[in-house]
Amino acid sequence: MEFNAILSPLGAFGPMIAGVLLLLLVVKLLSMPFKLVWNGLCGALLLWFINLVGSLAGFTMKITVIKALIAGFFGVPGALAVVLYELLVK
């Protein structure tokens, strides 16, 4: 049995595997900004809800892009940190 005959099926799959891995890497890199925008929108909605409930007790705050990204990136602890910042610093 010849050595090239054994490696020929592997040689055909090598570029295909490399192409799939490269495609996965590109998709992952391109999806990161969309994930940040999605988290920012979720953070803004969470802050809006806190603002809605807080308005009943006389607490309101201005929702900015930075506050929404903090709340979106860190989730509930980030939203609580933004609210505590508004209560203690402002």
PDB file of N, CA and C in Angstrom:
ATOM      1  N   MET A   1       0.847  -1.173   0.000  1.00  0.00           N
ATOM      2  CA  MET A   1       0.000   0.000   0.000  1.00  0.00           C
ATOM      3  C   MET A   1       0.893   1.237   0.000  1.00  0.00           C
ATOM      4  N   GLU A   2       0.535   2.178  -0.802  1.00  0.00           N
ATOM      5  CA  GLU A   2       1.335   3.382  -0.967  1.00  0.00           C
ATOM      6  C   GLU A   2       0.994   4.403   0.120  1.00  0.00           C
ATOM      7  N   PHE A   3       1.986   5.199   0.547  1.00  0.00           N
ATOM      8  CA  PHE A   3       1.807   6.180   1.626  1.00  0.00           C
ATOM      9  C   PHE A   3       0.866   7.313   1.208  1.00  0.00           C
ATOM     10  N   ASN A   4       0.929   7.755  -0.034  1.00  0.00           N
ATOM     11  CA  ASN A   4       0.046   8.828  -0.521  1.00  0.00           C
ATOM     12  C   ASN A   4      -1.414   8.376  -0.566  1.00  0.00           C
ATOM     13  N   ALA A   5      -1.643   7.112  -0.795  1.00  0.00           N
ATOM     14  CA  ALA A   5      -3.011   6.602  -0.833  1.00  0.00           C
ATOM     15  C   ALA A   5      -3.650   6.649   0.545  1.00  0.00           C
ATOM     16  N   ILE A   6      -2.849   6.512   1.577  1.00  0.00           N
ATOM     17  CA  ILE A   6      -3.370   6.572   2.940  1.00  0.00           C
ATOM     18  C   ILE A   6      -3.690   8.009   3.332  1.00  0.00           C
ATOM     19  N   LEU A   7      -2.844   8.974   2.939  1.00  0.00           N
ATOM     20  CA  LEU A   7      -3.012  10.368   3.341  1.00  0.00           C
ATOM     21  C   LEU A   7      -3.956  11.163   2.442  1.00  0.00           C
ATOM     22  N   SER A   8      -4.343  10.641   1.293  1.00  0.00           N
ATOM     23  CA  SER A   8      -5.168  11.431   0.382  1.00  0.00           C
ATOM     24  C   SER A   8      -6.521  11.832   0.964  1.00  0.00           C
ATOM     25  N   PRO A   9      -7.221  10.993   1.719  1.00  0.00           N
ATOM     26  CA  PRO A   9      -8.474  11.480   2.317  1.00  0.00           C
ATOM     27  C   PRO A   9      -8.226  12.578   3.357  1.00  0.00           C
ATOM     28  N   LEU A  10      -7.145  12.473   4.113  1.00  0.00           N
ATOM     29  CA  LEU A  10      -6.837  13.512   5.099  1.00  0.00           C
ATOM     30  C   LEU A  10      -6.447  14.814   4.421  1.00  0.00           C
ATOM     31  N   GLY A  11      -5.774  14.724   3.298  1.00  0.00           N
ATOM     32  CA  GLY A  11      -5.367  15.923   2.573  1.00  0.00           C
ATOM     33  C   GLY A  11      -6.560  16.701   2.047  1.00  0.00           C
ATOM     34  N   ALA A  12      -7.638  16.029   1.715  1.00  0.00           N
ATOM     35  CA  ALA A  12      -8.829  16.699   1.202  1.00  0.00           C
ATOM     36  C   ALA A  12      -9.598  17.392   2.316  1.00  0.00           C
ATOM     37  N   PHE A  13      -9.543  16.848   3.542  1.00  0.00           N
ATOM     38  CA  PHE A  13     -10.284  17.437   4.652  1.00  0.00           C
ATOM     39  C   PHE A  13      -9.519  18.551   5.364  1.00  0.00           C
ATOM     40  N   GLY A  14      -8.222  18.619   5.200  1.00  0.00           N
ATOM     41  CA  GLY A  14      -7.412  19.630   5.876  1.00  0.00           C
ATOM     42  C   GLY A  14      -7.836  21.054   5.549  1.00  0.00           C
ATOM     43  N   PRO A  15      -7.886  21.440   4.273  1.00  0.00           N
ATOM     44  CA  PRO A  15      -8.329  22.803   3.947  1.00  0.00           C
ATOM     45  C   PRO A  15      -9.779  23.074   4.340  1.00  0.00           C
ATOM     46  N   MET A  16     -10.625  22.045   4.278  1.00  0.00           N
ATOM     47  CA  MET A  16     -12.017  22.232   4.656  1.00  0.00           C
ATOM     48  C   MET A  16     -12.125  22.505   6.166  1.00  0.00           C
ATOM     49  N   ILE A  17     -11.381  21.773   6.968  1.00  0.00           N
ATOM     50  CA  ILE A  17     -11.393  21.990   8.418  1.00  0.00           C
ATOM     51  C   ILE A  17     -10.839  23.368   8.744  1.00  0.00           C
ATOM     52  N   ALA A  18      -9.758  23.773   8.072  1.00  0.00           N
ATOM     53  CA  ALA A  18      -9.183  25.101   8.297  1.00  0.00           C
ATOM     54  C   ALA A  18     -10.187  26.195   7.905  1.00  0.00           C
ATOM     55  N   GLY A  19     -10.911  25.986   6.813  1.00  0.00           N
ATOM     56  CA  GLY A  19     -11.910  26.962   6.383  1.00  0.00           C
ATOM     57  C   GLY A  19     -13.056  27.094   7.361  1.00  0.00           C
ATOM     58  N   VAL A  20     -13.512  25.975   7.901  1.00  0.00           N
ATOM     59  CA  VAL A  20     -14.602  26.003   8.884  1.00  0.00           C
ATOM     60  C   VAL A  20     -14.149  26.703  10.160  1.00  0.00           C
ATOM     61  N   LEU A  21     -12.928  26.419  10.609  1.00  0.00           N
ATOM     62  CA  LEU A  21     -12.400  27.078  11.808  1.00  0.00           C
ATOM     63  C   LEU A  21     -12.235  28.585  11.582  1.00  0.00           C
ATOM     64  N   LEU A  22     -11.773  28.977  10.403  1.00  0.00           N
ATOM     65  CA  LEU A  22     -11.644  30.397  10.080  1.00  0.00           C
ATOM     66  C   LEU A  22     -13.011  31.070  10.035  1.00  0.00           C
ATOM     67  N   LEU A  23     -13.997  30.402   9.469  1.00  0.00           N
ATOM     68  CA  LEU A  23     -15.356  30.945   9.422  1.00  0.00           C
ATOM     69  C   LEU A  23     -15.932  31.112  10.824  1.00  0.00           C
ATOM     70  N   LEU A  24     -15.712  30.132  11.705  1.00  0.00           N
ATOM     71  CA  LEU A  24     -16.187  30.245  13.087  1.00  0.00           C
ATOM     72  C   LEU A  24     -15.528  31.409  13.807  1.00  0.00           C
ATOM     73  N   LEU A  25     -14.237  31.623  13.565  1.00  0.00           N
ATOM     74  CA  LEU A  25     -13.519  32.739  14.186  1.00  0.00           C
ATOM     75  C   LEU A  25     -14.071  34.078  13.709  1.00  0.00           C
ATOM     76  N   VAL A  26     -14.321  34.216  12.416  1.00  0.00           N
ATOM     77  CA  VAL A  26     -14.860  35.469  11.861  1.00  0.00           C
ATOM     78  C   VAL A  26     -16.257  35.740  12.402  1.00  0.00           C
ATOM     79  N   VAL A  27     -17.100  34.711  12.473  1.00  0.00           N
ATOM     80  CA  VAL A  27     -18.461  34.888  13.000  1.00  0.00           C
ATOM     81  C   VAL A  27     -18.411  35.302  14.463  1.00  0.00           C
ATOM     82  N   LYS A  28     -17.514  34.699  15.235  1.00  0.00           N
ATOM     83  CA  LYS A  28     -17.382  35.040  16.654  1.00  0.00           C
ATOM     84  C   LYS A  28     -16.936  36.492  16.824  1.00  0.00           C
ATOM     85  N   LEU A  29     -15.971  36.931  16.023  1.00  0.00           N
ATOM     86  CA  LEU A  29     -15.479  38.307  16.130  1.00  0.00           C
ATOM     87  C   LEU A  29     -16.528  39.323  15.698  1.00  0.00           C
ATOM     88  N   LEU A  30     -17.333  38.981  14.694  1.00  0.00           N
ATOM     89  CA  LEU A  30     -18.360  39.907  14.224  1.00  0.00           C
ATOM     90  C   LEU A  30     -19.574  39.944  15.138  1.00  0.00           C
ATOM     91  N   SER A  31     -19.806  38.885  15.907  1.00  0.00           N
ATOM     92  CA  SER A  31     -20.981  38.856  16.774  1.00  0.00           C
ATOM     93  C   SER A  31     -20.752  39.598  18.084  1.00  0.00           C
ATOM     94  N   MET A  32     -19.510  39.884  18.453  1.00  0.00           N
ATOM     95  CA  MET A  32     -19.234  40.560  19.718  1.00  0.00           C
ATOM     96  C   MET A  32     -19.853  41.959  19.790  1.00  0.00           C
ATOM     97  N   PRO A  33     -19.744  42.811  18.746  1.00  0.00           N
ATOM     98  CA  PRO A  33     -20.403  44.119  18.841  1.00  0.00           C
ATOM     99  C   PRO A  33     -21.921  44.021  18.959  1.00  0.00           C
ATOM    100  N   PHE A  34     -22.527  43.048  18.285  1.00  0.00           N
ATOM    101  CA  PHE A  34     -23.971  42.879  18.380  1.00  0.00           C
ATOM    102  C   PHE A  34     -24.386  42.442  19.780  1.00  0.00           C
ATOM    103  N   LYS A  35     -23.555  41.618  20.408  1.00  0.00           N
ATOM    104  CA  LYS A  35     -23.847  41.186  21.767  1.00  0.00           C
ATOM    105  C   LYS A  35     -23.759  42.368  22.727  1.00  0.00           C
ATOM    106  N   LEU A  36     -22.804  43.259  22.516  1.00  0.00           N
ATOM    107  CA  LEU A  36     -22.678  44.444  23.359  1.00  0.00           C
ATOM    108  C   LEU A  36     -23.881  45.362  23.195  1.00  0.00           C
ATOM    109  N   VAL A  37     -24.352  45.531  21.967  1.00  0.00           N
ATOM    110  CA  VAL A  37     -25.544  46.352  21.724  1.00  0.00           C
ATOM    111  C   VAL A  37     -26.766  45.711  22.375  1.00  0.00           C
ATOM    112  N   TRP A  38     -26.908  44.403  22.249  1.00  0.00           N
ATOM    113  CA  TRP A  38     -28.042  43.697  22.853  1.00  0.00           C
ATOM    114  C   TRP A  38     -28.011  43.853  24.366  1.00  0.00           C
ATOM    115  N   ASN A  39     -26.833  43.677  24.973  1.00  0.00           N
ATOM    116  CA  ASN A  39     -26.719  43.832  26.425  1.00  0.00           C
ATOM    117  C   ASN A  39     -27.026  45.269  26.842  1.00  0.00           C
ATOM    118  N   GLY A  40     -26.609  46.234  26.039  1.00  0.00           N
ATOM    119  CA  GLY A  40     -26.918  47.632  26.337  1.00  0.00           C
ATOM    120  C   GLY A  40     -28.415  47.906  26.300  1.00  0.00           C
ATOM    121  N   LEU A  41     -29.098  47.323  25.318  1.00  0.00           N
ATOM    122  CA  LEU A  41     -30.551  47.493  25.237  1.00  0.00           C
ATOM    123  C   LEU A  41     -31.251  46.836  26.426  1.00  0.00           C
ATOM    124  N   CYS A  42     -30.778  45.659  26.808  1.00  0.00           N
ATOM    125  CA  CYS A  42     -31.367  44.996  27.985  1.00  0.00           C
ATOM    126  C   CYS A  42     -31.100  45.808  29.246  1.00  0.00           C
ATOM    127  N   GLY A  43     -29.919  46.381  29.352  1.00  0.00           N
ATOM    128  CA  GLY A  43     -29.602  47.231  30.496  1.00  0.00           C
ATOM    129  C   GLY A  43     -30.465  48.478  30.534  1.00  0.00           C
ATOM    130  N   ALA A  44     -30.710  49.078  29.367  1.00  0.00           N
ATOM    131  CA  ALA A  44     -31.569  50.259  29.306  1.00  0.00           C
ATOM    132  C   ALA A  44     -32.994  49.912  29.715  1.00  0.00           C
ATOM    133  N   LEU A  45     -33.481  48.744  29.282  1.00  0.00           N
ATOM    134  CA  LEU A  45     -34.822  48.324  29.682  1.00  0.00           C
ATOM    135  C   LEU A  45     -34.902  48.079  31.186  1.00  0.00           C
ATOM    136  N   LEU A  46     -33.867  47.488  31.743  1.00  0.00           N
ATOM    137  CA  LEU A  46     -33.842  47.255  33.183  1.00  0.00           C
ATOM    138  C   LEU A  46     -33.825  48.584  33.946  1.00  0.00           C
ATOM    139  N   LEU A  47     -33.023  49.532  33.472  1.00  0.00           N
ATOM    140  CA  LEU A  47     -32.988  50.841  34.118  1.00  0.00           C
ATOM    141  C   LEU A  47     -34.318  51.579  33.946  1.00  0.00           C
ATOM    142  N   TRP A  48     -34.948  51.414  32.783  1.00  0.00           N
ATOM    143  CA  TRP A  48     -36.248  52.048  32.567  1.00  0.00           C
ATOM    144  C   TRP A  48     -37.264  51.493  33.555  1.00  0.00           C
ATOM    145  N   PHE A  49     -37.238  50.177  33.777  1.00  0.00           N
ATOM    146  CA  PHE A  49     -38.169  49.557  34.715  1.00  0.00           C
ATOM    147  C   PHE A  49     -37.895  50.049  36.142  1.00  0.00           C
ATOM    148  N   ILE A  50     -36.618  50.146  36.500  1.00  0.00           N
ATOM    149  CA  ILE A  50     -36.264  50.672  37.822  1.00  0.00           C
ATOM    150  C   ILE A  50     -36.723  52.123  37.937  1.00  0.00           C
ATOM    151  N   ASN A  51     -36.575  52.878  36.869  1.00  0.00           N
ATOM    152  CA  ASN A  51     -37.020  54.268  36.851  1.00  0.00           C
ATOM    153  C   ASN A  51     -38.539  54.358  36.989  1.00  0.00           C
ATOM    154  N   LEU A  52     -39.249  53.442  36.345  1.00  0.00           N
ATOM    155  CA  LEU A  52     -40.710  53.422  36.405  1.00  0.00           C
ATOM    156  C   LEU A  52     -41.185  53.125  37.823  1.00  0.00           C
ATOM    157  N   VAL A  53     -40.605  52.099  38.431  1.00  0.00           N
ATOM    158  CA  VAL A  53     -40.984  51.733  39.797  1.00  0.00           C
ATOM    159  C   VAL A  53     -40.503  52.800  40.786  1.00  0.00           C
ATOM    160  N   GLY A  54     -39.309  53.350  40.548  1.00  0.00           N
ATOM    161  CA  GLY A  54     -38.766  54.370  41.441  1.00  0.00           C
ATOM    162  C   GLY A  54     -39.525  55.675  41.396  1.00  0.00           C
ATOM    163  N   SER A  55     -40.197  55.942  40.280  1.00  0.00           N
ATOM    164  CA  SER A  55     -40.960  57.188  40.191  1.00  0.00           C
ATOM    165  C   SER A  55     -42.132  57.202  41.166  1.00  0.00           C
ATOM    166  N   LEU A  56     -42.588  56.026  41.549  1.00  0.00           N
ATOM    167  CA  LEU A  56     -43.657  55.953  42.553  1.00  0.00           C
ATOM    168  C   LEU A  56     -43.164  56.436  43.917  1.00  0.00           C
ATOM    169  N   ALA A  57     -41.857  56.286  44.163  1.00  0.00           N
ATOM    170  CA  ALA A  57     -41.277  56.717  45.434  1.00  0.00           C
ATOM    171  C   ALA A  57     -40.543  58.048  45.300  1.00  0.00           C
ATOM    172  N   GLY A  58     -40.628  58.683  44.132  1.00  0.00           N
ATOM    173  CA  GLY A  58     -39.984  59.971  43.933  1.00  0.00           C
ATOM    174  C   GLY A  58     -38.546  59.881  43.441  1.00  0.00           C
ATOM    175  N   PHE A  59     -38.112  58.725  42.964  1.00  0.00           N
ATOM    176  CA  PHE A  59     -36.752  58.536  42.458  1.00  0.00           C
ATOM    177  C   PHE A  59     -36.785  58.444  40.944  1.00  0.00           C
ATOM    178  N   THR A  60     -36.099  59.359  40.282  1.00  0.00           N
ATOM    179  CA  THR A  60     -35.946  59.288  38.829  1.00  0.00           C
ATOM    180  C   THR A  60     -34.491  59.517  38.482  1.00  0.00           C
ATOM    181  N   MET A  61     -34.076  58.997  37.346  1.00  0.00           N
ATOM    182  CA  MET A  61     -32.706  59.197  36.882  1.00  0.00           C
ATOM    183  C   MET A  61     -32.710  59.274  35.370  1.00  0.00           C
ATOM    184  N   LYS A  62     -31.681  59.928  34.847  1.00  0.00           N
ATOM    185  CA  LYS A  62     -31.516  60.033  33.406  1.00  0.00           C
ATOM    186  C   LYS A  62     -30.761  58.802  32.927  1.00  0.00           C
ATOM    187  N   ILE A  63     -31.309  58.098  31.946  1.00  0.00           N
ATOM    188  CA  ILE A  63     -30.668  56.893  31.416  1.00  0.00           C
ATOM    189  C   ILE A  63     -29.779  57.305  30.249  1.00  0.00           C
ATOM    190  N   THR A  64     -28.477  57.069  30.398  1.00  0.00           N
ATOM    191  CA  THR A  64     -27.511  57.394  29.348  1.00  0.00           C
ATOM    192  C   THR A  64     -26.960  56.094  28.754  1.00  0.00           C
ATOM    193  N   VAL A  65     -26.194  56.246  27.681  1.00  0.00           N
ATOM    194  CA  VAL A  65     -25.605  55.082  27.020  1.00  0.00           C
ATOM    195  C   VAL A  65     -24.638  54.369  27.967  1.00  0.00           C
ATOM    196  N   ILE A  66     -23.840  55.128  28.694  1.00  0.00           N
ATOM    197  CA  ILE A  66     -22.866  54.527  29.611  1.00  0.00           C
ATOM    198  C   ILE A  66     -23.583  53.738  30.709  1.00  0.00           C
ATOM    199  N   LYS A  67     -24.616  54.310  31.284  1.00  0.00           N
ATOM    200  CA  LYS A  67     -25.368  53.616  32.335  1.00  0.00           C
ATOM    201  C   LYS A  67     -26.030  52.359  31.788  1.00  0.00           C
ATOM    202  N   ALA A  68     -26.560  52.430  30.573  1.00  0.00           N
ATOM    203  CA  ALA A  68     -27.201  51.252  29.968  1.00  0.00           C
ATOM    204  C   ALA A  68     -26.173  50.157  29.694  1.00  0.00           C
ATOM    205  N   LEU A  69     -24.976  50.536  29.226  1.00  0.00           N
ATOM    206  CA  LEU A  69     -23.942  49.540  28.978  1.00  0.00           C
ATOM    207  C   LEU A  69     -23.439  48.919  30.276  1.00  0.00           C
ATOM    208  N   ILE A  70     -23.321  49.717  31.327  1.00  0.00           N
ATOM    209  CA  ILE A  70     -22.909  49.170  32.625  1.00  0.00           C
ATOM    210  C   ILE A  70     -23.947  48.170  33.118  1.00  0.00           C
ATOM    211  N   ALA A  71     -25.203  48.553  33.043  1.00  0.00           N
ATOM    212  CA  ALA A  71     -26.272  47.652  33.486  1.00  0.00           C
ATOM    213  C   ALA A  71     -26.374  46.427  32.576  1.00  0.00           C
ATOM    214  N   GLY A  72     -26.157  46.604  31.292  1.00  0.00           N
ATOM    215  CA  GLY A  72     -26.229  45.478  30.363  1.00  0.00           C
ATOM    216  C   GLY A  72     -25.058  44.531  30.500  1.00  0.00           C
ATOM    217  N   PHE A  73     -23.871  45.069  30.718  1.00  0.00           N
ATOM    218  CA  PHE A  73     -22.676  44.228  30.814  1.00  0.00           C
ATOM    219  C   PHE A  73     -22.632  43.461  32.129  1.00  0.00           C
ATOM    220  N   PHE A  74     -22.991  44.129  33.219  1.00  0.00           N
ATOM    221  CA  PHE A  74     -22.908  43.496  34.536  1.00  0.00           C
ATOM    222  C   PHE A  74     -24.236  42.929  35.023  1.00  0.00           C
ATOM    223  N   GLY A  75     -25.323  43.170  34.294  1.00  0.00           N
ATOM    224  CA  GLY A  75     -26.622  42.615  34.668  1.00  0.00           C
ATOM    225  C   GLY A  75     -27.236  43.340  35.857  1.00  0.00           C
ATOM    226  N   VAL A  76     -27.883  42.577  36.724  1.00  0.00           N
ATOM    227  CA  VAL A  76     -28.570  43.150  37.880  1.00  0.00           C
ATOM    228  C   VAL A  76     -27.590  43.866  38.823  1.00  0.00           C
ATOM    229  N   PRO A  77     -26.410  43.305  39.116  1.00  0.00           N
ATOM    230  CA  PRO A  77     -25.485  44.058  39.976  1.00  0.00           C
ATOM    231  C   PRO A  77     -25.054  45.391  39.359  1.00  0.00           C
ATOM    232  N   GLY A  78     -24.909  45.433  38.045  1.00  0.00           N
ATOM    233  CA  GLY A  78     -24.568  46.685  37.375  1.00  0.00           C
ATOM    234  C   GLY A  78     -25.687  47.702  37.479  1.00  0.00           C
ATOM    235  N   ALA A  79     -26.929  47.251  37.322  1.00  0.00           N
ATOM    236  CA  ALA A  79     -28.071  48.154  37.461  1.00  0.00           C
ATOM    237  C   ALA A  79     -28.172  48.680  38.886  1.00  0.00           C
ATOM    238  N   LEU A  80     -27.934  47.802  39.862  1.00  0.00           N
ATOM    239  CA  LEU A  80     -27.950  48.259  41.257  1.00  0.00           C
ATOM    240  C   LEU A  80     -26.826  49.245  41.527  1.00  0.00           C
ATOM    241  N   ALA A  81     -25.671  49.031  40.912  1.00  0.00           N
ATOM    242  CA  ALA A  81     -24.558  49.968  41.082  1.00  0.00           C
ATOM    243  C   ALA A  81     -24.897  51.333  40.490  1.00  0.00           C
ATOM    244  N   VAL A  82     -25.560  51.348  39.347  1.00  0.00           N
ATOM    245  CA  VAL A  82     -25.963  52.622  38.733  1.00  0.00           C
ATOM    246  C   VAL A  82     -26.982  53.331  39.628  1.00  0.00           C
ATOM    247  N   VAL A  83     -27.934  52.588  40.168  1.00  0.00           N
ATOM    248  CA  VAL A  83     -28.950  53.180  41.041  1.00  0.00           C
ATOM    249  C   VAL A  83     -28.295  53.718  42.317  1.00  0.00           C
ATOM    250  N   LEU A  84     -27.388  52.941  42.911  1.00  0.00           N
ATOM    251  CA  LEU A  84     -26.685  53.408  44.102  1.00  0.00           C
ATOM    252  C   LEU A  84     -25.837  54.641  43.805  1.00  0.00           C
ATOM    253  N   TYR A  85     -25.226  54.682  42.660  1.00  0.00           N
ATOM    254  CA  TYR A  85     -24.459  55.862  42.259  1.00  0.00           C
ATOM    255  C   TYR A  85     -25.369  57.079  42.172  1.00  0.00           C
ATOM    256  N   GLU A  86     -26.522  56.902  41.558  1.00  0.00           N
ATOM    257  CA  GLU A  86     -27.480  58.016  41.435  1.00  0.00           C
ATOM    258  C   GLU A  86     -27.969  58.463  42.806  1.00  0.00           C
ATOM    259  N   LEU A  87     -28.201  57.519  43.705  1.00  0.00           N
ATOM    260  CA  LEU A  87     -28.714  57.883  45.029  1.00  0.00           C
ATOM    261  C   LEU A  87     -27.656  58.559  45.894  1.00  0.00           C
ATOM    262  N   LEU A  88     -26.429  58.069  45.837  1.00  0.00           N
ATOM    263  CA  LEU A  88     -25.399  58.555  46.744  1.00  0.00           C
ATOM    264  C   LEU A  88     -24.624  59.750  46.216  1.00  0.00           C
ATOM    265  N   VAL A  89     -24.391  59.815  44.940  1.00  0.00           N
ATOM    266  CA  VAL A  89     -23.551  60.894  44.391  1.00  0.00           C
ATOM    267  C   VAL A  89     -24.391  62.089  43.956  1.00  0.00           C
ATOM    268  N   LYS A  90     -25.507  61.867  43.373  1.00  0.00           N
ATOM    269  CA  LYS A  90     -26.324  62.980  42.847  1.00  0.00           C
ATOM    270  C   LYS A  90     -27.163  63.603  43.914  1.00  0.00           C
TER     271      LYS A  90
END
